[in-house]
Amino acid sequence: MVATAIFAIAVIGLARCVEAGLTAGLAQREDSRARRALLNWMRELQAGSQAYSNMPLGLELRGEFTGFRLYQSVITLELEDQNKQKVDGILEVNLELVWNAGGGRGSKRMKFYACPSAL
């Protein structure tokens, strides 16, 4: 009877380890999908197929990225070069991707700088 109790405790512990591993694998896959979605959107912006504009309400992504909502904010930077000359057209682009994950909420952010007027 003692051996059965010890075996049962070991099986329960093993089951919890397997569950934690599956949960970690799912989180890793969602993180990887989120990274791909952000990189794809950045490339679309750089290619000119999407506009550099604020999206305060977000955009519900489709296809491979269904379930993700993308928010974009764009800030026009006021910079000067080493000669104190104003440098125009440089943007700070902030992307945030939000999704529901395992009863919680996941998010991933990306910031980059662009100069679309140089294209």
N, C-alpha and C. Protein backbone atom coordinates (compact mmCIF):
# COMPACT_ATOMS: atom_id res chain seq x y z
N MET A 1 0.82 -1.19 0.00
CA MET A 1 0.00 0.00 0.00
C MET A 1 0.89 1.27 0.00
N VAL A 2 1.97 1.26 0.76
CA VAL A 2 2.89 2.39 0.79
C VAL A 2 3.55 2.56 -0.57
N ALA A 3 3.92 1.46 -1.20
CA ALA A 3 4.53 1.51 -2.53
C ALA A 3 3.55 2.11 -3.54
N THR A 4 2.28 1.78 -3.46
CA THR A 4 1.25 2.32 -4.36
C THR A 4 1.11 3.82 -4.14
N ALA A 5 1.16 4.27 -2.91
CA ALA A 5 1.05 5.70 -2.61
C ALA A 5 2.26 6.45 -3.18
N ILE A 6 3.45 5.89 -3.01
CA ILE A 6 4.66 6.52 -3.54
C ILE A 6 4.60 6.57 -5.07
N PHE A 7 4.15 5.49 -5.67
CA PHE A 7 4.02 5.45 -7.13
C PHE A 7 3.01 6.49 -7.60
N ALA A 8 1.89 6.62 -6.91
CA ALA A 8 0.86 7.60 -7.29
C ALA A 8 1.41 9.03 -7.20
N ILE A 9 2.18 9.32 -6.16
CA ILE A 9 2.77 10.66 -6.01
C ILE A 9 3.76 10.92 -7.16
N ALA A 10 4.54 9.92 -7.52
CA ALA A 10 5.49 10.06 -8.62
C ALA A 10 4.78 10.31 -9.94
N VAL A 11 3.69 9.59 -10.18
CA VAL A 11 2.93 9.76 -11.42
C VAL A 11 2.31 11.16 -11.48
N ILE A 12 1.79 11.64 -10.36
CA ILE A 12 1.21 12.99 -10.33
C ILE A 12 2.29 14.04 -10.61
N GLY A 13 3.46 13.86 -10.01
CA GLY A 13 4.57 14.78 -10.27
C GLY A 13 4.99 14.76 -11.72
N LEU A 14 5.06 13.58 -12.31
CA LEU A 14 5.42 13.45 -13.71
C LEU A 14 4.37 14.12 -14.61
N ALA A 15 3.10 13.94 -14.28
CA ALA A 15 2.03 14.56 -15.06
C ALA A 15 2.13 16.08 -15.02
N ARG A 16 2.47 16.63 -13.89
CA ARG A 16 2.62 18.08 -13.78
C ARG A 16 3.82 18.57 -14.59
N CYS A 17 4.88 17.81 -14.62
CA CYS A 17 6.05 18.18 -15.43
C CYS A 17 5.70 18.17 -16.92
N VAL A 18 4.95 17.16 -17.35
CA VAL A 18 4.54 17.07 -18.75
C VAL A 18 3.64 18.25 -19.10
N GLU A 19 2.70 18.59 -18.22
CA GLU A 19 1.81 19.71 -18.44
C GLU A 19 2.59 21.02 -18.55
N ALA A 20 3.56 21.23 -17.67
CA ALA A 20 4.38 22.44 -17.71
C ALA A 20 5.19 22.50 -19.01
N GLY A 21 5.68 21.37 -19.47
CA GLY A 21 6.42 21.33 -20.73
C GLY A 21 5.54 21.67 -21.92
N LEU A 22 4.32 21.15 -21.93
CA LEU A 22 3.39 21.47 -23.02
C LEU A 22 3.02 22.94 -23.01
N THR A 23 2.80 23.49 -21.83
CA THR A 23 2.46 24.91 -21.71
C THR A 23 3.62 25.78 -22.19
N ALA A 24 4.84 25.42 -21.82
CA ALA A 24 6.01 26.18 -22.27
C ALA A 24 6.17 26.08 -23.79
N GLY A 25 5.91 24.92 -24.36
CA GLY A 25 6.00 24.76 -25.82
C GLY A 25 4.98 25.62 -26.54
N LEU A 26 3.76 25.68 -26.01
CA LEU A 26 2.72 26.51 -26.61
C LEU A 26 3.10 27.98 -26.53
N ALA A 27 3.63 28.41 -25.38
CA ALA A 27 4.04 29.81 -25.22
C ALA A 27 5.16 30.15 -26.20
N GLN A 28 6.08 29.21 -26.39
CA GLN A 28 7.20 29.45 -27.32
C GLN A 28 6.69 29.57 -28.75
N ARG A 29 5.72 28.74 -29.14
CA ARG A 29 5.16 28.82 -30.50
C ARG A 29 4.43 30.14 -30.71
N GLU A 30 3.66 30.59 -29.70
CA GLU A 30 2.95 31.86 -29.83
C GLU A 30 3.94 33.02 -29.92
N ASP A 31 5.00 32.96 -29.15
CA ASP A 31 6.03 34.00 -29.20
C ASP A 31 6.69 34.03 -30.57
N SER A 32 6.95 32.88 -31.14
CA SER A 32 7.56 32.80 -32.46
C SER A 32 6.62 33.36 -33.53
N ARG A 33 5.35 33.03 -33.43
CA ARG A 33 4.36 33.57 -34.39
C ARG A 33 4.28 35.09 -34.27
N ALA A 34 4.31 35.59 -33.03
CA ALA A 34 4.24 37.03 -32.80
C ALA A 34 5.45 37.73 -33.41
N ARG A 35 6.63 37.16 -33.25
CA ARG A 35 7.84 37.75 -33.84
C ARG A 35 7.72 37.81 -35.36
N ARG A 36 7.24 36.73 -35.96
CA ARG A 36 7.09 36.71 -37.42
C ARG A 36 6.08 37.76 -37.88
N ALA A 37 4.98 37.90 -37.14
CA ALA A 37 3.96 38.89 -37.51
C ALA A 37 4.54 40.30 -37.45
N LEU A 38 5.29 40.61 -36.39
CA LEU A 38 5.89 41.94 -36.27
C LEU A 38 6.92 42.19 -37.37
N LEU A 39 7.76 41.21 -37.64
CA LEU A 39 8.76 41.37 -38.71
C LEU A 39 8.10 41.53 -40.07
N ASN A 40 7.05 40.76 -40.33
CA ASN A 40 6.33 40.89 -41.61
C ASN A 40 5.74 42.28 -41.76
N TRP A 41 5.15 42.79 -40.67
CA TRP A 41 4.53 44.12 -40.75
C TRP A 41 5.61 45.19 -40.97
N MET A 42 6.73 45.07 -40.28
CA MET A 42 7.82 46.02 -40.46
C MET A 42 8.30 46.00 -41.92
N ARG A 43 8.43 44.83 -42.49
CA ARG A 43 8.86 44.72 -43.89
C ARG A 43 7.83 45.33 -44.84
N GLU A 44 6.54 45.15 -44.54
CA GLU A 44 5.51 45.77 -45.38
C GLU A 44 5.58 47.28 -45.30
N LEU A 45 5.83 47.82 -44.11
CA LEU A 45 5.99 49.27 -43.96
C LEU A 45 7.19 49.75 -44.77
N GLN A 46 8.31 49.06 -44.64
CA GLN A 46 9.52 49.45 -45.34
C GLN A 46 9.37 49.35 -46.86
N ALA A 47 8.58 48.39 -47.31
CA ALA A 47 8.36 48.23 -48.75
C ALA A 47 7.35 49.23 -49.30
N GLY A 48 6.64 49.93 -48.41
CA GLY A 48 5.67 50.91 -48.86
C GLY A 48 4.28 50.36 -49.09
N SER A 49 4.04 49.10 -48.77
CA SER A 49 2.71 48.53 -48.99
C SER A 49 1.75 48.82 -47.85
N GLN A 50 2.25 49.35 -46.73
CA GLN A 50 1.42 49.79 -45.61
C GLN A 50 1.82 51.22 -45.26
N ALA A 51 0.88 51.96 -44.70
CA ALA A 51 1.12 53.36 -44.38
C ALA A 51 1.74 53.52 -42.99
N TYR A 52 2.62 54.49 -42.88
CA TYR A 52 3.18 54.87 -41.58
C TYR A 52 2.15 55.80 -40.93
N SER A 53 1.20 55.24 -40.21
CA SER A 53 0.18 56.04 -39.55
C SER A 53 -0.19 55.40 -38.22
N ASN A 54 -0.78 56.19 -37.35
CA ASN A 54 -1.20 55.68 -36.04
C ASN A 54 -2.43 54.80 -36.20
N MET A 55 -2.46 53.71 -35.45
CA MET A 55 -3.61 52.80 -35.44
C MET A 55 -4.03 52.59 -33.99
N PRO A 56 -4.71 53.58 -33.38
CA PRO A 56 -5.06 53.46 -31.97
C PRO A 56 -6.07 52.36 -31.68
N LEU A 57 -6.90 52.00 -32.65
CA LEU A 57 -7.88 50.93 -32.45
C LEU A 57 -7.33 49.57 -32.80
N GLY A 58 -6.18 49.54 -33.42
CA GLY A 58 -5.55 48.28 -33.78
C GLY A 58 -6.12 47.69 -35.05
N LEU A 59 -5.47 46.65 -35.49
CA LEU A 59 -5.85 45.93 -36.70
C LEU A 59 -5.86 44.45 -36.38
N GLU A 60 -6.98 43.81 -36.62
CA GLU A 60 -7.10 42.37 -36.39
C GLU A 60 -6.42 41.65 -37.57
N LEU A 61 -5.38 40.89 -37.27
CA LEU A 61 -4.65 40.20 -38.33
C LEU A 61 -5.39 38.93 -38.75
N ARG A 62 -5.17 38.52 -39.97
CA ARG A 62 -5.86 37.35 -40.55
C ARG A 62 -4.82 36.33 -41.02
N GLY A 63 -5.33 35.22 -41.50
CA GLY A 63 -4.46 34.18 -42.05
C GLY A 63 -3.68 33.48 -40.96
N GLU A 64 -2.39 33.33 -41.18
CA GLU A 64 -1.52 32.65 -40.23
C GLU A 64 -1.50 33.33 -38.87
N PHE A 65 -1.82 34.63 -38.84
CA PHE A 65 -1.74 35.40 -37.61
C PHE A 65 -3.11 35.74 -37.02
N THR A 66 -4.11 34.93 -37.34
CA THR A 66 -5.44 35.12 -36.78
C THR A 66 -5.35 35.04 -35.25
N GLY A 67 -6.06 35.96 -34.61
CA GLY A 67 -6.06 36.01 -33.14
C GLY A 67 -5.15 37.09 -32.60
N PHE A 68 -4.32 37.68 -33.46
CA PHE A 68 -3.44 38.76 -33.05
C PHE A 68 -4.06 40.10 -33.41
N ARG A 69 -3.90 41.09 -32.56
CA ARG A 69 -4.30 42.47 -32.86
C ARG A 69 -3.04 43.33 -32.83
N LEU A 70 -2.83 44.09 -33.90
CA LEU A 70 -1.64 44.92 -34.06
C LEU A 70 -1.99 46.39 -33.82
N TYR A 71 -1.20 47.04 -32.98
CA TYR A 71 -1.32 48.47 -32.73
C TYR A 71 -0.04 49.13 -33.24
N GLN A 72 -0.21 50.28 -33.88
CA GLN A 72 0.94 50.98 -34.44
C GLN A 72 0.87 52.45 -34.05
N SER A 73 1.98 52.98 -33.54
CA SER A 73 2.06 54.42 -33.31
C SER A 73 3.32 54.94 -33.99
N VAL A 74 3.19 56.10 -34.59
CA VAL A 74 4.28 56.70 -35.35
C VAL A 74 4.53 58.11 -34.81
N ILE A 75 5.78 58.39 -34.49
CA ILE A 75 6.17 59.70 -33.98
C ILE A 75 7.20 60.30 -34.94
N THR A 76 6.95 61.52 -35.39
CA THR A 76 7.92 62.22 -36.22
C THR A 76 8.97 62.83 -35.30
N LEU A 77 10.21 62.46 -35.51
CA LEU A 77 11.29 62.94 -34.65
C LEU A 77 11.84 64.26 -35.16
N GLU A 78 12.22 65.12 -34.23
CA GLU A 78 12.85 66.38 -34.57
C GLU A 78 14.32 66.27 -34.18
N LEU A 79 15.16 66.02 -35.17
CA LEU A 79 16.58 65.77 -34.94
C LEU A 79 17.43 66.80 -35.66
N GLU A 80 18.67 66.92 -35.16
CA GLU A 80 19.66 67.78 -35.81
C GLU A 80 20.91 66.96 -36.09
N ASP A 81 21.60 67.28 -37.17
CA ASP A 81 22.86 66.61 -37.47
C ASP A 81 24.00 67.31 -36.72
N GLN A 82 25.23 66.90 -36.98
CA GLN A 82 26.38 67.45 -36.28
C GLN A 82 26.60 68.93 -36.58
N ASN A 83 26.03 69.44 -37.67
CA ASN A 83 26.15 70.85 -38.04
C ASN A 83 24.94 71.67 -37.58
N LYS A 84 24.14 71.09 -36.71
CA LYS A 84 22.94 71.74 -36.17
C LYS A 84 21.89 72.01 -37.25
N GLN A 85 21.95 71.24 -38.35
CA GLN A 85 20.95 71.34 -39.40
C GLN A 85 19.80 70.39 -39.06
N LYS A 86 18.58 70.85 -39.28
CA LYS A 86 17.41 70.02 -38.99
C LYS A 86 17.35 68.83 -39.95
N VAL A 87 17.11 67.65 -39.41
CA VAL A 87 16.98 66.44 -40.21
C VAL A 87 15.49 66.07 -40.23
N ASP A 88 14.90 66.12 -41.42
CA ASP A 88 13.46 65.85 -41.55
C ASP A 88 13.18 64.42 -41.98
N GLY A 89 12.00 63.97 -41.66
CA GLY A 89 11.50 62.72 -42.22
C GLY A 89 11.84 61.45 -41.48
N ILE A 90 12.44 61.54 -40.30
CA ILE A 90 12.76 60.33 -39.55
C ILE A 90 11.63 60.04 -38.58
N LEU A 91 11.15 58.81 -38.63
CA LEU A 91 10.01 58.39 -37.81
C LEU A 91 10.44 57.34 -36.79
N GLU A 92 9.84 57.41 -35.63
CA GLU A 92 9.95 56.33 -34.65
C GLU A 92 8.66 55.54 -34.74
N VAL A 93 8.77 54.28 -35.06
CA VAL A 93 7.59 53.42 -35.23
C VAL A 93 7.56 52.41 -34.09
N ASN A 94 6.43 52.38 -33.39
CA ASN A 94 6.22 51.44 -32.29
C ASN A 94 5.10 50.49 -32.67
N LEU A 95 5.40 49.21 -32.67
CA LEU A 95 4.41 48.18 -32.96
C LEU A 95 4.16 47.37 -31.70
N GLU A 96 2.90 47.06 -31.44
CA GLU A 96 2.56 46.17 -30.32
C GLU A 96 1.56 45.15 -30.83
N LEU A 97 1.83 43.92 -30.53
CA LEU A 97 0.97 42.82 -30.91
C LEU A 97 0.37 42.23 -29.64
N VAL A 98 -0.94 42.06 -29.61
CA VAL A 98 -1.63 41.56 -28.42
C VAL A 98 -2.47 40.35 -28.83
N TRP A 99 -2.51 39.34 -27.96
CA TRP A 99 -3.32 38.16 -28.22
C TRP A 99 -3.72 37.52 -26.89
N ASN A 100 -4.75 36.69 -26.94
CA ASN A 100 -5.17 35.92 -25.78
C ASN A 100 -4.38 34.63 -25.76
N ALA A 101 -3.83 34.31 -24.59
CA ALA A 101 -2.98 33.13 -24.49
C ALA A 101 -3.26 32.38 -23.21
N GLY A 102 -3.82 31.20 -23.32
CA GLY A 102 -3.99 30.32 -22.17
C GLY A 102 -4.68 30.95 -20.98
N GLY A 103 -5.79 31.62 -21.19
CA GLY A 103 -6.51 32.25 -20.10
C GLY A 103 -5.94 33.60 -19.71
N GLY A 104 -4.84 34.00 -20.32
CA GLY A 104 -4.23 35.30 -20.04
C GLY A 104 -4.13 36.11 -21.31
N ARG A 105 -3.25 37.06 -21.28
CA ARG A 105 -3.06 37.92 -22.44
C ARG A 105 -1.57 38.01 -22.73
N GLY A 106 -1.21 37.79 -23.98
CA GLY A 106 0.18 37.90 -24.38
C GLY A 106 0.39 39.16 -25.19
N SER A 107 1.61 39.67 -25.17
CA SER A 107 1.92 40.83 -26.00
C SER A 107 3.42 40.84 -26.33
N LYS A 108 3.72 41.48 -27.42
CA LYS A 108 5.11 41.61 -27.87
C LYS A 108 5.22 42.98 -28.53
N ARG A 109 6.34 43.65 -28.30
CA ARG A 109 6.54 45.00 -28.84
C ARG A 109 7.80 45.07 -29.68
N MET A 110 7.77 46.02 -30.62
CA MET A 110 8.93 46.27 -31.47
C MET A 110 9.00 47.78 -31.73
N LYS A 111 10.20 48.33 -31.67
CA LYS A 111 10.41 49.73 -32.01
C LYS A 111 11.52 49.79 -33.05
N PHE A 112 11.30 50.61 -34.08
CA PHE A 112 12.34 50.83 -35.07
C PHE A 112 12.21 52.24 -35.63
N TYR A 113 13.20 52.65 -36.36
CA TYR A 113 13.23 54.00 -36.94
C TYR A 113 13.21 53.87 -38.46
N ALA A 114 12.50 54.77 -39.09
CA ALA A 114 12.37 54.72 -40.54
C ALA A 114 12.50 56.11 -41.13
N CYS A 115 12.90 56.15 -42.36
CA CYS A 115 12.99 57.40 -43.10
C CYS A 115 12.32 57.18 -44.46
N PRO A 116 10.97 57.14 -44.49
CA PRO A 116 10.28 56.83 -45.74
C PRO A 116 10.52 57.87 -46.83
N SER A 117 10.86 59.10 -46.48
CA SER A 117 11.10 60.12 -47.51
C SER A 117 12.38 59.85 -48.30
N ALA A 118 13.25 58.99 -47.75
CA ALA A 118 14.50 58.66 -48.45
C ALA A 118 14.30 57.61 -49.52
N LEU A 119 13.11 57.02 -49.59
CA LEU A 119 12.87 55.95 -50.58
C LEU A 119 12.68 56.51 -51.96
